[in-house]
Amino acid sequence: MASENDLVAYDNVPGNYYDKYNTKNPVARYLMQGFLSAFDELTASIDVKRSYEVGCGEGHLSMRLHDRGWDVRGSDLEAISVAEANTQCAQRNVEPKFEAVSLFDLKPQFAAEQLVICCEVLEHVPDTERALAVLKSLASPYLLVSVPREPIWRILNVARGKYISELGNTPGHIQHWSSAEFVSMLSKTMEVVAVRRPLPWTMVLCRCN
């Protein structure tokens, strides 16, 4: 049986919970609209209609695609988040689409899809190289990933008086990339198809095969 330290070495490092999709803060809502617009644009640019979301959280992105006619599935490490995501399915009178599974337990034979989505996850994962290898094995052929854009992310946190003692670093964020660094890392093993930079994120669409 894996020890707690073994799990931390591979799975997400938990951070603070903030429902950014339903925030009432006008600035946060403006920033999220930019994120969602980039997501809509990139997913509309490819000729596929099936997706698997790794780290689906409460299912907001997947159900956004579902409402556009996509066949969606997904998973998350946190069972509570998965339950909330499946509640969204129930509200639409569709069968549950999400399950509680670690990224590192996903296998191509049951998770491979035309588009694999992994948004706001990699900054929490200690072993980035291993995580990207799993994601690449699942994507057939597309992978859509997003991460906070540094150092802008931390600068904005400091500007709003958050996490001052951590120099603006959000709890649980253990990986930090500028846009150039993140795109360069992805391009080493995948074809970068398109890049969007909705403040304060980097979002990248890749082709894996």
N, C-alpha and C. Protein backbone atom coordinates (compact mmCIF):
# COMPACT_ATOMS: atom_id res chain seq x y z
N MET A 1 0.85 -1.20 0.00
CA MET A 1 0.00 0.00 0.00
C MET A 1 0.88 1.24 0.00
N ALA A 2 0.51 2.22 -0.81
CA ALA A 2 1.30 3.44 -0.90
C ALA A 2 1.17 4.24 0.40
N SER A 3 2.30 4.83 0.82
CA SER A 3 2.28 5.70 1.98
C SER A 3 1.77 7.08 1.60
N GLU A 4 1.49 7.90 2.61
CA GLU A 4 1.04 9.26 2.34
C GLU A 4 2.10 10.02 1.57
N ASN A 5 3.38 9.78 1.89
CA ASN A 5 4.45 10.48 1.18
C ASN A 5 4.51 10.06 -0.28
N ASP A 6 4.23 8.77 -0.55
CA ASP A 6 4.20 8.30 -1.93
C ASP A 6 3.11 9.01 -2.71
N LEU A 7 1.95 9.20 -2.09
CA LEU A 7 0.84 9.85 -2.78
C LEU A 7 1.18 11.30 -3.08
N VAL A 8 1.78 11.98 -2.12
CA VAL A 8 2.14 13.38 -2.34
C VAL A 8 3.16 13.51 -3.46
N ALA A 9 4.01 12.50 -3.61
CA ALA A 9 5.05 12.56 -4.63
C ALA A 9 4.48 12.56 -6.04
N TYR A 10 3.26 12.04 -6.22
CA TYR A 10 2.72 11.92 -7.56
C TYR A 10 1.42 12.67 -7.76
N ASP A 11 0.53 12.66 -6.79
CA ASP A 11 -0.78 13.26 -6.98
C ASP A 11 -0.75 14.76 -6.70
N ASN A 12 -1.89 15.39 -6.94
CA ASN A 12 -1.98 16.83 -6.75
C ASN A 12 -1.72 17.22 -5.30
N VAL A 13 -1.04 18.35 -5.14
CA VAL A 13 -0.92 18.96 -3.82
C VAL A 13 -2.14 19.85 -3.63
N PRO A 14 -2.97 19.58 -2.63
CA PRO A 14 -4.20 20.36 -2.48
C PRO A 14 -3.90 21.81 -2.15
N GLY A 15 -4.78 22.70 -2.61
CA GLY A 15 -4.64 24.12 -2.31
C GLY A 15 -5.93 24.65 -1.72
N ASN A 16 -6.10 25.95 -1.81
CA ASN A 16 -7.33 26.54 -1.29
C ASN A 16 -8.47 26.30 -2.28
N TYR A 17 -9.70 26.28 -1.76
CA TYR A 17 -10.86 26.12 -2.64
C TYR A 17 -11.46 27.48 -2.92
N TYR A 18 -11.65 27.77 -4.20
CA TYR A 18 -12.27 29.03 -4.60
C TYR A 18 -13.11 28.76 -5.84
N ASP A 19 -14.40 29.00 -5.75
CA ASP A 19 -15.30 28.72 -6.86
C ASP A 19 -15.23 29.87 -7.87
N LYS A 20 -14.22 29.83 -8.71
CA LYS A 20 -14.00 30.92 -9.66
C LYS A 20 -15.07 30.97 -10.74
N TYR A 21 -15.75 29.86 -10.99
CA TYR A 21 -16.76 29.85 -12.04
C TYR A 21 -18.05 30.55 -11.62
N ASN A 22 -18.29 30.64 -10.32
CA ASN A 22 -19.52 31.27 -9.84
C ASN A 22 -19.25 32.48 -8.94
N THR A 23 -18.07 33.04 -9.04
CA THR A 23 -17.72 34.18 -8.21
C THR A 23 -18.62 35.39 -8.51
N LYS A 24 -18.88 36.18 -7.49
CA LYS A 24 -19.65 37.41 -7.65
C LYS A 24 -18.75 38.63 -7.81
N ASN A 25 -17.45 38.44 -7.57
CA ASN A 25 -16.51 39.55 -7.69
C ASN A 25 -16.43 40.01 -9.14
N PRO A 26 -16.69 41.29 -9.44
CA PRO A 26 -16.74 41.74 -10.84
C PRO A 26 -15.41 41.60 -11.57
N VAL A 27 -14.29 41.82 -10.88
CA VAL A 27 -12.98 41.67 -11.53
C VAL A 27 -12.72 40.21 -11.85
N ALA A 28 -12.99 39.35 -10.87
CA ALA A 28 -12.80 37.91 -11.08
C ALA A 28 -13.70 37.39 -12.19
N ARG A 29 -14.93 37.90 -12.23
CA ARG A 29 -15.84 37.48 -13.30
C ARG A 29 -15.31 37.91 -14.67
N TYR A 30 -14.75 39.09 -14.74
CA TYR A 30 -14.17 39.58 -16.00
C TYR A 30 -13.02 38.69 -16.44
N LEU A 31 -12.14 38.34 -15.50
CA LEU A 31 -11.01 37.49 -15.83
C LEU A 31 -11.48 36.09 -16.26
N MET A 32 -12.48 35.56 -15.55
CA MET A 32 -12.99 34.23 -15.91
C MET A 32 -13.65 34.24 -17.28
N GLN A 33 -14.28 35.34 -17.66
CA GLN A 33 -14.88 35.41 -18.98
C GLN A 33 -13.80 35.31 -20.05
N GLY A 34 -12.65 35.91 -19.80
CA GLY A 34 -11.54 35.78 -20.73
C GLY A 34 -11.05 34.35 -20.84
N PHE A 35 -10.97 33.66 -19.70
CA PHE A 35 -10.56 32.26 -19.67
C PHE A 35 -11.55 31.40 -20.46
N LEU A 36 -12.83 31.58 -20.19
CA LEU A 36 -13.85 30.77 -20.85
C LEU A 36 -13.95 31.08 -22.34
N SER A 37 -13.73 32.32 -22.71
CA SER A 37 -13.75 32.68 -24.13
C SER A 37 -12.61 31.98 -24.87
N ALA A 38 -11.42 31.94 -24.24
CA ALA A 38 -10.29 31.23 -24.84
C ALA A 38 -10.58 29.74 -24.95
N PHE A 39 -11.18 29.18 -23.90
CA PHE A 39 -11.55 27.76 -23.91
C PHE A 39 -12.54 27.47 -25.03
N ASP A 40 -13.57 28.30 -25.15
CA ASP A 40 -14.57 28.11 -26.20
C ASP A 40 -13.95 28.22 -27.58
N GLU A 41 -13.06 29.18 -27.76
CA GLU A 41 -12.44 29.39 -29.06
C GLU A 41 -11.59 28.19 -29.46
N LEU A 42 -10.76 27.70 -28.54
CA LEU A 42 -9.87 26.60 -28.88
C LEU A 42 -10.64 25.29 -29.10
N THR A 43 -11.65 25.04 -28.29
CA THR A 43 -12.42 23.80 -28.48
C THR A 43 -13.27 23.85 -29.74
N ALA A 44 -13.67 25.04 -30.15
CA ALA A 44 -14.45 25.17 -31.40
C ALA A 44 -13.58 25.08 -32.64
N SER A 45 -12.26 25.20 -32.46
CA SER A 45 -11.36 25.23 -33.61
C SER A 45 -10.98 23.85 -34.12
N ILE A 46 -11.37 22.78 -33.39
CA ILE A 46 -10.99 21.43 -33.78
C ILE A 46 -12.24 20.63 -34.14
N ASP A 47 -12.07 19.70 -35.07
CA ASP A 47 -13.20 18.95 -35.60
C ASP A 47 -13.40 17.66 -34.82
N VAL A 48 -13.62 17.77 -33.50
CA VAL A 48 -13.91 16.60 -32.67
C VAL A 48 -15.05 16.96 -31.73
N LYS A 49 -15.68 15.94 -31.15
CA LYS A 49 -16.83 16.17 -30.28
C LYS A 49 -16.84 15.26 -29.07
N ARG A 50 -15.69 14.63 -28.74
CA ARG A 50 -15.61 13.79 -27.55
C ARG A 50 -14.43 14.25 -26.70
N SER A 51 -14.65 14.35 -25.40
CA SER A 51 -13.59 14.83 -24.53
C SER A 51 -13.54 14.05 -23.23
N TYR A 52 -12.36 14.08 -22.63
CA TYR A 52 -12.15 13.52 -21.29
C TYR A 52 -11.38 14.57 -20.49
N GLU A 53 -11.95 15.01 -19.37
CA GLU A 53 -11.32 16.06 -18.58
C GLU A 53 -10.64 15.46 -17.35
N VAL A 54 -9.33 15.64 -17.28
CA VAL A 54 -8.54 15.19 -16.15
C VAL A 54 -8.46 16.33 -15.13
N GLY A 55 -8.89 16.05 -13.90
CA GLY A 55 -8.98 17.12 -12.91
C GLY A 55 -10.20 17.98 -13.18
N CYS A 56 -11.34 17.32 -13.32
CA CYS A 56 -12.57 17.99 -13.77
C CYS A 56 -13.17 18.92 -12.72
N GLY A 57 -12.74 18.79 -11.46
CA GLY A 57 -13.35 19.61 -10.41
C GLY A 57 -14.85 19.38 -10.36
N GLU A 58 -15.61 20.46 -10.35
CA GLU A 58 -17.07 20.35 -10.28
C GLU A 58 -17.71 20.20 -11.66
N GLY A 59 -16.90 19.99 -12.69
CA GLY A 59 -17.41 19.66 -14.02
C GLY A 59 -17.81 20.82 -14.90
N HIS A 60 -17.45 22.05 -14.53
CA HIS A 60 -17.93 23.22 -15.26
C HIS A 60 -17.49 23.22 -16.73
N LEU A 61 -16.23 22.93 -16.98
CA LEU A 61 -15.75 22.98 -18.37
C LEU A 61 -16.36 21.86 -19.21
N SER A 62 -16.39 20.66 -18.64
CA SER A 62 -16.97 19.54 -19.40
C SER A 62 -18.44 19.77 -19.71
N MET A 63 -19.20 20.25 -18.72
CA MET A 63 -20.62 20.46 -18.97
C MET A 63 -20.84 21.64 -19.91
N ARG A 64 -19.90 22.55 -19.95
CA ARG A 64 -19.98 23.62 -20.95
C ARG A 64 -19.90 23.02 -22.35
N LEU A 65 -19.03 22.03 -22.52
CA LEU A 65 -18.96 21.34 -23.81
C LEU A 65 -20.20 20.48 -24.04
N HIS A 66 -20.67 19.80 -23.00
CA HIS A 66 -21.88 18.99 -23.12
C HIS A 66 -23.04 19.82 -23.64
N ASP A 67 -23.16 21.04 -23.14
CA ASP A 67 -24.26 21.90 -23.56
C ASP A 67 -24.10 22.36 -24.99
N ARG A 68 -22.91 22.16 -25.57
CA ARG A 68 -22.68 22.44 -26.99
C ARG A 68 -22.77 21.18 -27.85
N GLY A 69 -23.21 20.07 -27.24
CA GLY A 69 -23.43 18.85 -28.00
C GLY A 69 -22.29 17.86 -27.97
N TRP A 70 -21.30 18.07 -27.10
CA TRP A 70 -20.18 17.15 -26.99
C TRP A 70 -20.54 15.93 -26.14
N ASP A 71 -19.85 14.82 -26.40
CA ASP A 71 -19.88 13.64 -25.54
C ASP A 71 -18.73 13.79 -24.56
N VAL A 72 -19.02 13.99 -23.28
CA VAL A 72 -17.98 14.31 -22.31
C VAL A 72 -17.90 13.24 -21.22
N ARG A 73 -16.69 13.08 -20.70
CA ARG A 73 -16.43 12.27 -19.51
C ARG A 73 -15.30 12.96 -18.75
N GLY A 74 -15.03 12.49 -17.53
CA GLY A 74 -13.94 13.10 -16.81
C GLY A 74 -13.70 12.45 -15.46
N SER A 75 -12.66 12.94 -14.79
CA SER A 75 -12.31 12.39 -13.48
C SER A 75 -11.61 13.45 -12.66
N ASP A 76 -11.59 13.20 -11.35
CA ASP A 76 -10.88 14.09 -10.44
C ASP A 76 -10.42 13.27 -9.25
N LEU A 77 -9.37 13.73 -8.61
CA LEU A 77 -8.86 13.04 -7.43
C LEU A 77 -9.81 13.15 -6.25
N GLU A 78 -10.57 14.26 -6.18
CA GLU A 78 -11.43 14.54 -5.04
C GLU A 78 -12.85 14.03 -5.28
N ALA A 79 -13.29 13.09 -4.43
CA ALA A 79 -14.61 12.49 -4.58
C ALA A 79 -15.73 13.53 -4.40
N ILE A 80 -15.51 14.51 -3.53
CA ILE A 80 -16.54 15.54 -3.31
C ILE A 80 -16.76 16.34 -4.59
N SER A 81 -15.68 16.68 -5.26
CA SER A 81 -15.81 17.43 -6.52
C SER A 81 -16.52 16.60 -7.58
N VAL A 82 -16.19 15.32 -7.64
CA VAL A 82 -16.82 14.42 -8.61
C VAL A 82 -18.32 14.34 -8.36
N ALA A 83 -18.71 14.27 -7.09
CA ALA A 83 -20.14 14.22 -6.75
C ALA A 83 -20.85 15.48 -7.23
N GLU A 84 -20.21 16.64 -7.06
CA GLU A 84 -20.81 17.88 -7.53
C GLU A 84 -20.91 17.91 -9.05
N ALA A 85 -19.87 17.38 -9.72
CA ALA A 85 -19.91 17.32 -11.18
C ALA A 85 -21.05 16.43 -11.66
N ASN A 86 -21.24 15.29 -11.00
CA ASN A 86 -22.33 14.39 -11.40
C ASN A 86 -23.70 14.97 -11.05
N THR A 87 -23.75 15.88 -10.07
CA THR A 87 -24.99 16.59 -9.80
C THR A 87 -25.37 17.46 -10.99
N GLN A 88 -24.39 18.05 -11.63
CA GLN A 88 -24.66 18.81 -12.85
C GLN A 88 -25.24 17.91 -13.94
N CYS A 89 -24.75 16.67 -14.01
CA CYS A 89 -25.32 15.72 -14.97
C CYS A 89 -26.79 15.45 -14.64
N ALA A 90 -27.06 15.21 -13.37
CA ALA A 90 -28.43 14.91 -12.95
C ALA A 90 -29.36 16.07 -13.27
N GLN A 91 -28.86 17.28 -13.11
CA GLN A 91 -29.68 18.46 -13.42
C GLN A 91 -30.03 18.54 -14.90
N ARG A 92 -29.24 17.88 -15.73
CA ARG A 92 -29.49 17.85 -17.18
C ARG A 92 -30.14 16.55 -17.62
N ASN A 93 -30.48 15.71 -16.64
CA ASN A 93 -31.12 14.42 -16.92
C ASN A 93 -30.26 13.52 -17.79
N VAL A 94 -28.97 13.51 -17.52
CA VAL A 94 -28.06 12.60 -18.21
C VAL A 94 -27.34 11.75 -17.18
N GLU A 95 -26.84 10.61 -17.60
CA GLU A 95 -26.16 9.69 -16.69
C GLU A 95 -24.87 10.32 -16.16
N PRO A 96 -24.38 9.86 -14.99
CA PRO A 96 -23.13 10.40 -14.45
C PRO A 96 -21.97 10.24 -15.44
N LYS A 97 -21.19 11.27 -15.57
CA LYS A 97 -20.10 11.30 -16.54
C LYS A 97 -18.71 11.29 -15.89
N PHE A 98 -18.68 11.40 -14.55
CA PHE A 98 -17.41 11.64 -13.88
C PHE A 98 -17.13 10.59 -12.80
N GLU A 99 -15.83 10.33 -12.54
CA GLU A 99 -15.43 9.34 -11.56
C GLU A 99 -14.21 9.85 -10.79
N ALA A 100 -14.03 9.31 -9.58
CA ALA A 100 -12.89 9.69 -8.75
C ALA A 100 -11.70 8.79 -9.07
N VAL A 101 -10.75 9.34 -9.80
CA VAL A 101 -9.55 8.59 -10.21
C VAL A 101 -8.36 9.55 -10.23
N SER A 102 -7.23 9.07 -9.76
CA SER A 102 -6.01 9.86 -9.85
C SER A 102 -5.54 9.96 -11.29
N LEU A 103 -4.97 11.08 -11.64
CA LEU A 103 -4.38 11.26 -12.98
C LEU A 103 -3.46 10.09 -13.30
N PHE A 104 -2.67 9.66 -12.33
CA PHE A 104 -1.65 8.65 -12.58
C PHE A 104 -2.20 7.23 -12.64
N ASP A 105 -3.50 7.07 -12.38
CA ASP A 105 -4.13 5.76 -12.54
C ASP A 105 -4.91 5.65 -13.84
N LEU A 106 -4.95 6.72 -14.62
CA LEU A 106 -5.67 6.69 -15.89
C LEU A 106 -4.90 5.90 -16.93
N LYS A 107 -5.62 5.07 -17.67
CA LYS A 107 -5.01 4.24 -18.71
C LYS A 107 -5.70 4.52 -20.04
N PRO A 108 -4.95 4.45 -21.15
CA PRO A 108 -5.54 4.76 -22.46
C PRO A 108 -6.76 3.94 -22.80
N GLN A 109 -6.80 2.68 -22.37
CA GLN A 109 -7.91 1.82 -22.79
C GLN A 109 -9.25 2.26 -22.23
N PHE A 110 -9.27 3.04 -21.11
CA PHE A 110 -10.57 3.48 -20.61
C PHE A 110 -10.72 4.98 -20.51
N ALA A 111 -9.68 5.73 -20.83
CA ALA A 111 -9.79 7.18 -20.73
C ALA A 111 -9.43 7.93 -22.00
N ALA A 112 -8.91 7.24 -23.02
CA ALA A 112 -8.48 7.93 -24.23
C ALA A 112 -9.67 8.58 -24.93
N GLU A 113 -9.46 9.79 -25.38
CA GLU A 113 -10.52 10.50 -26.09
C GLU A 113 -9.93 11.42 -27.16
N GLN A 114 -10.80 11.95 -28.02
CA GLN A 114 -10.35 12.83 -29.09
C GLN A 114 -9.70 14.10 -28.54
N LEU A 115 -10.25 14.61 -27.44
CA LEU A 115 -9.68 15.77 -26.77
C LEU A 115 -9.57 15.46 -25.28
N VAL A 116 -8.36 15.59 -24.75
CA VAL A 116 -8.15 15.49 -23.30
C VAL A 116 -7.93 16.90 -22.77
N ILE A 117 -8.64 17.24 -21.72
CA ILE A 117 -8.57 18.57 -21.11
C ILE A 117 -7.93 18.44 -19.73
N CYS A 118 -6.98 19.32 -19.45
CA CYS A 118 -6.36 19.34 -18.12
C CYS A 118 -6.07 20.80 -17.77
N CYS A 119 -7.05 21.47 -17.19
CA CYS A 119 -6.94 22.89 -16.89
C CYS A 119 -6.80 23.13 -15.39
N GLU A 120 -5.84 23.95 -15.03
CA GLU A 120 -5.60 24.33 -13.64
C GLU A 120 -5.30 23.12 -12.76
N VAL A 121 -4.46 22.23 -13.28
CA VAL A 121 -4.07 21.03 -12.55
C VAL A 121 -2.55 20.91 -12.42
N LEU A 122 -1.83 21.12 -13.50
CA LEU A 122 -0.40 20.82 -13.51
C LEU A 122 0.40 21.63 -12.51
N GLU A 123 -0.09 22.81 -12.15
CA GLU A 123 0.64 23.61 -11.16
C GLU A 123 0.62 22.96 -9.77
N HIS A 124 -0.26 21.98 -9.58
CA HIS A 124 -0.36 21.28 -8.30
C HIS A 124 0.39 19.94 -8.30
N VAL A 125 0.92 19.51 -9.43
CA VAL A 125 1.47 18.16 -9.56
C VAL A 125 2.99 18.17 -9.46
N PRO A 126 3.56 17.44 -8.50
CA PRO A 126 5.02 17.45 -8.34
C PRO A 126 5.78 16.92 -9.56
N ASP A 127 5.31 15.83 -10.15
CA ASP A 127 6.04 15.18 -11.25
C ASP A 127 5.42 15.59 -12.58
N THR A 128 5.82 16.74 -13.09
CA THR A 128 5.23 17.26 -14.32
C THR A 128 5.50 16.36 -15.52
N GLU A 129 6.72 15.88 -15.63
CA GLU A 129 7.08 15.04 -16.78
C GLU A 129 6.22 13.79 -16.84
N ARG A 130 6.04 13.14 -15.70
CA ARG A 130 5.22 11.93 -15.66
C ARG A 130 3.76 12.26 -15.96
N ALA A 131 3.27 13.38 -15.43
CA ALA A 131 1.89 13.78 -15.68
C ALA A 131 1.65 14.03 -17.16
N LEU A 132 2.58 14.73 -17.81
CA LEU A 132 2.42 15.01 -19.23
C LEU A 132 2.48 13.73 -20.06
N ALA A 133 3.29 12.77 -19.64
CA ALA A 133 3.36 11.50 -20.36
C ALA A 133 2.01 10.77 -20.30
N VAL A 134 1.35 10.81 -19.13
CA VAL A 134 0.03 10.20 -19.01
C VAL A 134 -0.97 10.92 -19.90
N LEU A 135 -0.99 12.24 -19.83
CA LEU A 135 -1.94 13.01 -20.63
C LEU A 135 -1.73 12.75 -22.12
N LYS A 136 -0.49 12.70 -22.54
CA LYS A 136 -0.19 12.45 -23.95
C LYS A 136 -0.68 11.07 -24.38
N SER A 137 -0.57 10.09 -23.49
CA SER A 137 -1.01 8.73 -23.82
C SER A 137 -2.52 8.63 -23.96
N LEU A 138 -3.25 9.56 -23.32
CA LEU A 138 -4.71 9.54 -23.37
C LEU A 138 -5.27 10.29 -24.56
N ALA A 139 -4.55 11.30 -25.03
CA ALA A 139 -5.08 12.22 -26.04
C ALA A 139 -5.00 11.64 -27.43
N SER A 140 -6.12 11.65 -28.14
CA SER A 140 -6.14 11.08 -29.49
C SER A 140 -7.05 11.92 -30.41
N PRO A 141 -6.52 13.04 -30.96
CA PRO A 141 -5.11 13.42 -30.91
C PRO A 141 -4.83 14.66 -30.07
N TYR A 142 -5.86 15.32 -29.50
CA TYR A 142 -5.66 16.66 -28.95
C TYR A 142 -5.59 16.69 -27.42
N LEU A 143 -4.78 17.63 -26.92
CA LEU A 143 -4.68 17.90 -25.49
C LEU A 143 -4.80 19.41 -25.30
N LEU A 144 -5.68 19.81 -24.38
CA LEU A 144 -5.85 21.22 -24.03
C LEU A 144 -5.48 21.40 -22.57
N VAL A 145 -4.46 22.23 -22.30
CA VAL A 145 -3.97 22.42 -20.94
C VAL A 145 -3.90 23.91 -20.62
N SER A 146 -4.09 24.24 -19.35
CA SER A 146 -3.90 25.62 -18.92
C SER A 146 -3.25 25.64 -17.55
N VAL A 147 -2.47 26.70 -17.31
CA VAL A 147 -1.83 26.90 -16.01
C VAL A 147 -1.81 28.40 -15.72
N PRO A 148 -1.64 28.79 -14.46
CA PRO A 148 -1.46 30.20 -14.15
C PRO A 148 -0.21 30.76 -14.85
N ARG A 149 -0.31 31.99 -15.32
CA ARG A 149 0.82 32.63 -16.00
C ARG A 149 1.64 33.42 -14.97
N GLU A 150 2.85 32.96 -14.77
CA GLU A 150 3.73 33.61 -13.81
C GLU A 150 4.71 34.56 -14.52
N PRO A 151 5.14 35.63 -13.85
CA PRO A 151 4.84 36.00 -12.46
C PRO A 151 3.56 36.83 -12.31
N ILE A 152 2.80 36.98 -13.42
CA ILE A 152 1.61 37.83 -13.37
C ILE A 152 0.62 37.34 -12.33
N TRP A 153 0.47 36.01 -12.21
CA TRP A 153 -0.48 35.45 -11.25
C TRP A 153 -0.18 35.93 -9.84
N ARG A 154 1.09 35.83 -9.44
CA ARG A 154 1.47 36.22 -8.09
C ARG A 154 1.40 37.74 -7.89
N ILE A 155 1.75 38.48 -8.93
CA ILE A 155 1.66 39.94 -8.84
C ILE A 155 0.22 40.37 -8.58
N LEU A 156 -0.72 39.75 -9.28
CA LEU A 156 -2.13 40.09 -9.08
C LEU A 156 -2.61 39.70 -7.68
N ASN A 157 -2.12 38.57 -7.17
CA ASN A 157 -2.48 38.19 -5.80
C ASN A 157 -1.98 39.23 -4.79
N VAL A 158 -0.75 39.66 -4.94
CA VAL A 158 -0.19 40.67 -4.03
C VAL A 158 -0.97 41.98 -4.16
N ALA A 159 -1.34 42.33 -5.39
CA ALA A 159 -2.06 43.58 -5.62
C ALA A 159 -3.41 43.59 -4.91
N ARG A 160 -4.01 42.41 -4.72
CA ARG A 160 -5.29 42.34 -4.02
C ARG A 160 -5.12 41.96 -2.55
N GLY A 161 -3.87 41.96 -2.08
CA GLY A 161 -3.59 41.72 -0.67
C GLY A 161 -3.67 40.28 -0.24
N LYS A 162 -3.47 39.34 -1.15
CA LYS A 162 -3.57 37.92 -0.84
C LYS A 162 -2.18 37.26 -0.82
N TYR A 163 -1.99 36.37 0.15
CA TYR A 163 -0.80 35.52 0.25
C TYR A 163 0.49 36.35 0.25
N ILE A 164 0.48 37.44 1.00
CA ILE A 164 1.62 38.35 1.03
C ILE A 164 2.88 37.63 1.52
N SER A 165 2.74 36.85 2.59
CA SER A 165 3.91 36.17 3.15
C SER A 165 4.49 35.13 2.21
N GLU A 166 3.67 34.68 1.23
CA GLU A 166 4.12 33.71 0.23
C GLU A 166 4.49 34.39 -1.08
N LEU A 167 4.63 35.72 -1.03
CA LEU A 167 4.94 36.51 -2.23
C LEU A 167 3.91 36.28 -3.33
N GLY A 168 2.66 36.14 -2.91
CA GLY A 168 1.57 36.02 -3.86
C GLY A 168 1.31 34.62 -4.39
N ASN A 169 2.05 33.63 -3.91
CA ASN A 169 1.84 32.27 -4.41
C ASN A 169 0.61 31.65 -3.79
N THR A 170 -0.31 31.20 -4.62
CA THR A 170 -1.53 30.55 -4.14
C THR A 170 -1.20 29.23 -3.46
N PRO A 171 -1.78 28.93 -2.30
CA PRO A 171 -1.52 27.65 -1.64
C PRO A 171 -1.75 26.47 -2.57
N GLY A 172 -0.80 25.54 -2.57
CA GLY A 172 -0.91 24.37 -3.42
C GLY A 172 -0.23 24.49 -4.76
N HIS A 173 0.14 25.70 -5.16
CA HIS A 173 0.86 25.88 -6.42
C HIS A 173 2.35 25.60 -6.20
N ILE A 174 2.82 24.49 -6.71
CA ILE A 174 4.22 24.11 -6.51
C ILE A 174 5.02 24.15 -7.81
N GLN A 175 4.33 24.37 -8.94
CA GLN A 175 4.99 24.56 -10.22
C GLN A 175 4.65 25.95 -10.73
N HIS A 176 5.62 26.60 -11.37
CA HIS A 176 5.43 27.98 -11.83
C HIS A 176 6.07 28.14 -13.20
N TRP A 177 5.26 28.59 -14.17
CA TRP A 177 5.77 28.78 -15.53
C TRP A 177 5.34 30.13 -16.08
N SER A 178 6.26 30.79 -16.78
CA SER A 178 5.84 31.87 -17.66
C SER A 178 5.21 31.23 -18.89
N SER A 179 4.55 32.04 -19.73
CA SER A 179 3.96 31.49 -20.95
C SER A 179 5.03 30.84 -21.82
N ALA A 180 6.15 31.54 -21.98
CA ALA A 180 7.21 31.01 -22.84
C ALA A 180 7.76 29.70 -22.31
N GLU A 181 7.95 29.61 -21.00
CA GLU A 181 8.47 28.38 -20.40
C GLU A 181 7.50 27.22 -20.58
N PHE A 182 6.21 27.49 -20.38
CA PHE A 182 5.22 26.43 -20.46
C PHE A 182 5.09 25.92 -21.90
N VAL A 183 5.01 26.82 -22.85
CA VAL A 183 4.90 26.43 -24.26
C VAL A 183 6.15 25.67 -24.69
N SER A 184 7.32 26.13 -24.27
CA SER A 184 8.56 25.45 -24.62
C SER A 184 8.58 24.03 -24.08
N MET A 185 8.14 23.84 -22.85
CA MET A 185 8.11 22.51 -22.26
C MET A 185 7.19 21.58 -23.04
N LEU A 186 6.00 22.05 -23.40
CA LEU A 186 5.06 21.22 -24.14
C LEU A 186 5.59 20.88 -25.53
N SER A 187 6.25 21.83 -26.16
CA SER A 187 6.71 21.63 -27.55
C SER A 187 7.80 20.58 -27.66
N LYS A 188 8.40 20.18 -26.55
CA LYS A 188 9.45 19.16 -26.59
C LYS A 188 8.90 17.79 -26.92
N THR A 189 7.65 17.52 -26.59
CA THR A 189 7.07 16.19 -26.80
C THR A 189 5.77 16.21 -27.59
N MET A 190 5.24 17.41 -27.89
CA MET A 190 3.97 17.52 -28.60
C MET A 190 4.02 18.66 -29.60
N GLU A 191 3.10 18.63 -30.54
CA GLU A 191 2.96 19.74 -31.48
C GLU A 191 2.04 20.79 -30.88
N VAL A 192 2.55 21.99 -30.70
CA VAL A 192 1.74 23.08 -30.19
C VAL A 192 0.91 23.65 -31.34
N VAL A 193 -0.41 23.54 -31.24
CA VAL A 193 -1.31 23.96 -32.31
C VAL A 193 -1.70 25.43 -32.14
N ALA A 194 -2.02 25.83 -30.90
CA ALA A 194 -2.46 27.21 -30.65
C ALA A 194 -2.22 27.56 -29.20
N VAL A 195 -1.95 28.85 -28.97
CA VAL A 195 -1.71 29.35 -27.62
C VAL A 195 -2.61 30.57 -27.39
N ARG A 196 -3.25 30.60 -26.23
CA ARG A 196 -4.03 31.76 -25.83
C ARG A 196 -3.54 32.19 -24.45
N ARG A 197 -3.59 33.48 -24.19
CA ARG A 197 -3.08 34.02 -22.92
C ARG A 197 -4.14 34.90 -22.24
N PRO A 198 -5.28 34.32 -21.86
CA PRO A 198 -6.27 35.12 -21.13
C PRO A 198 -5.71 35.45 -19.75
N LEU A 199 -5.65 36.72 -19.42
CA LEU A 199 -5.07 37.14 -18.15
C LEU A 199 -5.82 36.51 -16.98
N PRO A 200 -5.11 35.84 -16.02
CA PRO A 200 -3.67 35.62 -15.93
C PRO A 200 -3.29 34.14 -16.15
N TRP A 201 -3.69 33.57 -17.26
CA TRP A 201 -3.42 32.17 -17.56
C TRP A 201 -2.67 32.01 -18.88
N THR A 202 -2.11 30.82 -19.07
CA THR A 202 -1.64 30.36 -20.36
C THR A 202 -2.45 29.13 -20.72
N MET A 203 -3.05 29.11 -21.90
CA MET A 203 -3.85 27.98 -22.36
C MET A 203 -3.30 27.51 -23.70
N VAL A 204 -3.04 26.22 -23.81
CA VAL A 204 -2.36 25.68 -24.98
C VAL A 204 -3.11 24.47 -25.53
N LEU A 205 -3.35 24.48 -26.82
CA LEU A 205 -3.90 23.33 -27.52
C LEU A 205 -2.76 22.61 -28.23
N CYS A 206 -2.61 21.32 -27.93
CA CYS A 206 -1.53 20.51 -28.51
C CYS A 206 -2.11 19.33 -29.30
N ARG A 207 -1.32 18.88 -30.25
CA ARG A 207 -1.63 17.63 -30.97
C ARG A 207 -0.58 16.61 -30.56
N CYS A 208 -1.06 15.45 -30.11
CA CYS A 208 -0.16 14.46 -29.54
C CYS A 208 0.21 13.32 -30.47
N ASN A 209 -0.52 13.14 -31.58
CA ASN A 209 -0.15 12.08 -32.53
C ASN A 209 -0.74 12.42 -33.90
